[in-house]
Amino acid sequence: MLESLVCPVTQATLSYDAGAQELLSAPAGLAFPIRGGIPIMLVAEARRLD
């Protein structure tokens, strides 16, 4: 399913961080959480990558 998801900001592909349960968008500098197996692809819910 990861192949069908893209960053809502940049449309770039995402990488999966299993330990943190997040989908990462390096170009946007955002990490989108996965809660209960569901990716939350809202910018307001994402955390900034340092």
N, C-alpha and C. Protein backbone atom coordinates (compact mmCIF):
# COMPACT_ATOMS: atom_id res chain seq x y z
N MET A 1 0.83 -1.20 0.00
CA MET A 1 0.00 0.00 0.00
C MET A 1 0.86 1.25 0.00
N LEU A 2 2.06 1.17 0.56
CA LEU A 2 2.94 2.33 0.63
C LEU A 2 3.21 2.92 -0.75
N GLU A 3 3.28 2.08 -1.76
CA GLU A 3 3.56 2.55 -3.11
C GLU A 3 2.50 3.51 -3.64
N SER A 4 1.28 3.40 -3.14
CA SER A 4 0.20 4.25 -3.63
C SER A 4 0.08 5.57 -2.87
N LEU A 5 0.80 5.71 -1.76
CA LEU A 5 0.74 6.95 -0.98
C LEU A 5 1.88 7.88 -1.35
N VAL A 6 1.56 9.17 -1.44
CA VAL A 6 2.57 10.19 -1.69
C VAL A 6 2.36 11.33 -0.70
N CYS A 7 3.37 12.14 -0.55
CA CYS A 7 3.29 13.29 0.34
C CYS A 7 2.22 14.26 -0.17
N PRO A 8 1.31 14.70 0.69
CA PRO A 8 0.28 15.64 0.26
C PRO A 8 0.84 17.04 -0.07
N VAL A 9 2.05 17.33 0.35
CA VAL A 9 2.65 18.65 0.10
C VAL A 9 3.45 18.65 -1.19
N THR A 10 4.33 17.65 -1.35
CA THR A 10 5.26 17.64 -2.48
C THR A 10 4.96 16.59 -3.54
N GLN A 11 4.06 15.68 -3.25
CA GLN A 11 3.75 14.53 -4.12
C GLN A 11 4.92 13.57 -4.26
N ALA A 12 5.92 13.68 -3.38
CA ALA A 12 7.08 12.78 -3.38
C ALA A 12 6.71 11.45 -2.73
N THR A 13 7.48 10.42 -3.06
CA THR A 13 7.27 9.12 -2.42
C THR A 13 7.65 9.22 -0.94
N LEU A 14 7.09 8.32 -0.16
CA LEU A 14 7.30 8.31 1.28
C LEU A 14 8.13 7.10 1.68
N SER A 15 8.85 7.24 2.77
CA SER A 15 9.56 6.08 3.33
C SER A 15 8.90 5.75 4.66
N TYR A 16 9.00 4.47 5.03
CA TYR A 16 8.33 3.96 6.22
C TYR A 16 9.32 3.77 7.34
N ASP A 17 9.01 4.37 8.50
CA ASP A 17 9.81 4.17 9.70
C ASP A 17 8.99 3.28 10.64
N ALA A 18 9.33 1.98 10.65
CA ALA A 18 8.56 1.01 11.43
C ALA A 18 8.66 1.27 12.93
N GLY A 19 9.83 1.67 13.40
CA GLY A 19 10.01 1.91 14.82
C GLY A 19 9.16 3.05 15.35
N ALA A 20 9.07 4.12 14.58
CA ALA A 20 8.29 5.29 14.99
C ALA A 20 6.85 5.24 14.50
N GLN A 21 6.53 4.25 13.63
CA GLN A 21 5.20 4.17 13.02
C GLN A 21 4.84 5.48 12.32
N GLU A 22 5.71 5.87 11.39
CA GLU A 22 5.52 7.11 10.64
C GLU A 22 5.88 6.90 9.17
N LEU A 23 5.28 7.72 8.33
CA LEU A 23 5.66 7.81 6.93
C LEU A 23 6.42 9.12 6.78
N LEU A 24 7.62 9.04 6.21
CA LEU A 24 8.51 10.20 6.14
C LEU A 24 8.55 10.79 4.74
N SER A 25 8.48 12.10 4.69
CA SER A 25 8.66 12.84 3.45
C SER A 25 9.88 13.74 3.64
N ALA A 26 11.01 13.29 3.13
CA ALA A 26 12.24 14.07 3.26
C ALA A 26 12.15 15.42 2.54
N PRO A 27 11.60 15.47 1.32
CA PRO A 27 11.52 16.78 0.64
C PRO A 27 10.69 17.82 1.40
N ALA A 28 9.63 17.37 2.06
CA ALA A 28 8.78 18.30 2.82
C ALA A 28 9.28 18.47 4.25
N GLY A 29 10.14 17.56 4.70
CA GLY A 29 10.62 17.62 6.08
C GLY A 29 9.53 17.30 7.09
N LEU A 30 8.66 16.35 6.72
CA LEU A 30 7.53 15.99 7.57
C LEU A 30 7.47 14.49 7.82
N ALA A 31 6.93 14.13 8.98
CA ALA A 31 6.68 12.74 9.33
C ALA A 31 5.19 12.60 9.65
N PHE A 32 4.51 11.77 8.89
CA PHE A 32 3.08 11.56 9.07
C PHE A 32 2.86 10.32 9.93
N PRO A 33 2.06 10.44 10.99
CA PRO A 33 1.87 9.31 11.91
C PRO A 33 0.99 8.22 11.31
N ILE A 34 1.19 7.01 11.81
CA ILE A 34 0.32 5.88 11.49
C ILE A 34 -0.33 5.48 12.81
N ARG A 35 -1.64 5.57 12.87
CA ARG A 35 -2.38 5.25 14.10
C ARG A 35 -3.36 4.12 13.84
N GLY A 36 -3.23 3.05 14.59
CA GLY A 36 -4.13 1.92 14.39
C GLY A 36 -4.03 1.34 13.00
N GLY A 37 -2.85 1.44 12.40
CA GLY A 37 -2.64 0.92 11.05
C GLY A 37 -3.09 1.84 9.94
N ILE A 38 -3.56 3.03 10.30
CA ILE A 38 -4.07 3.98 9.30
C ILE A 38 -3.14 5.18 9.22
N PRO A 39 -2.59 5.47 8.03
CA PRO A 39 -1.74 6.65 7.89
C PRO A 39 -2.58 7.93 7.96
N ILE A 40 -2.13 8.86 8.76
CA ILE A 40 -2.82 10.15 8.90
C ILE A 40 -2.07 11.15 8.03
N MET A 41 -2.60 11.42 6.84
CA MET A 41 -1.89 12.22 5.85
C MET A 41 -2.30 13.69 5.89
N LEU A 42 -2.50 14.21 7.07
CA LEU A 42 -2.85 15.61 7.25
C LEU A 42 -1.63 16.39 7.71
N VAL A 43 -1.34 17.50 7.06
CA VAL A 43 -0.19 18.32 7.43
C VAL A 43 -0.30 18.78 8.87
N ALA A 44 -1.50 19.07 9.33
CA ALA A 44 -1.70 19.52 10.70
C ALA A 44 -1.33 18.44 11.73
N GLU A 45 -1.36 17.18 11.34
CA GLU A 45 -1.03 16.07 12.24
C GLU A 45 0.42 15.64 12.12
N ALA A 46 1.12 16.11 11.10
CA ALA A 46 2.51 15.72 10.87
C ALA A 46 3.46 16.45 11.82
N ARG A 47 4.60 15.82 12.05
CA ARG A 47 5.62 16.49 12.85
C ARG A 47 6.77 16.86 11.92
N ARG A 48 7.45 17.93 12.27
CA ARG A 48 8.60 18.40 11.49
C ARG A 48 9.79 17.52 11.74
N LEU A 49 10.51 17.19 10.69
CA LEU A 49 11.77 16.45 10.82
C LEU A 49 12.88 17.45 11.10
N ASP A 50 13.79 17.08 11.97
CA ASP A 50 14.91 17.97 12.29
C ASP A 50 16.05 17.77 11.34
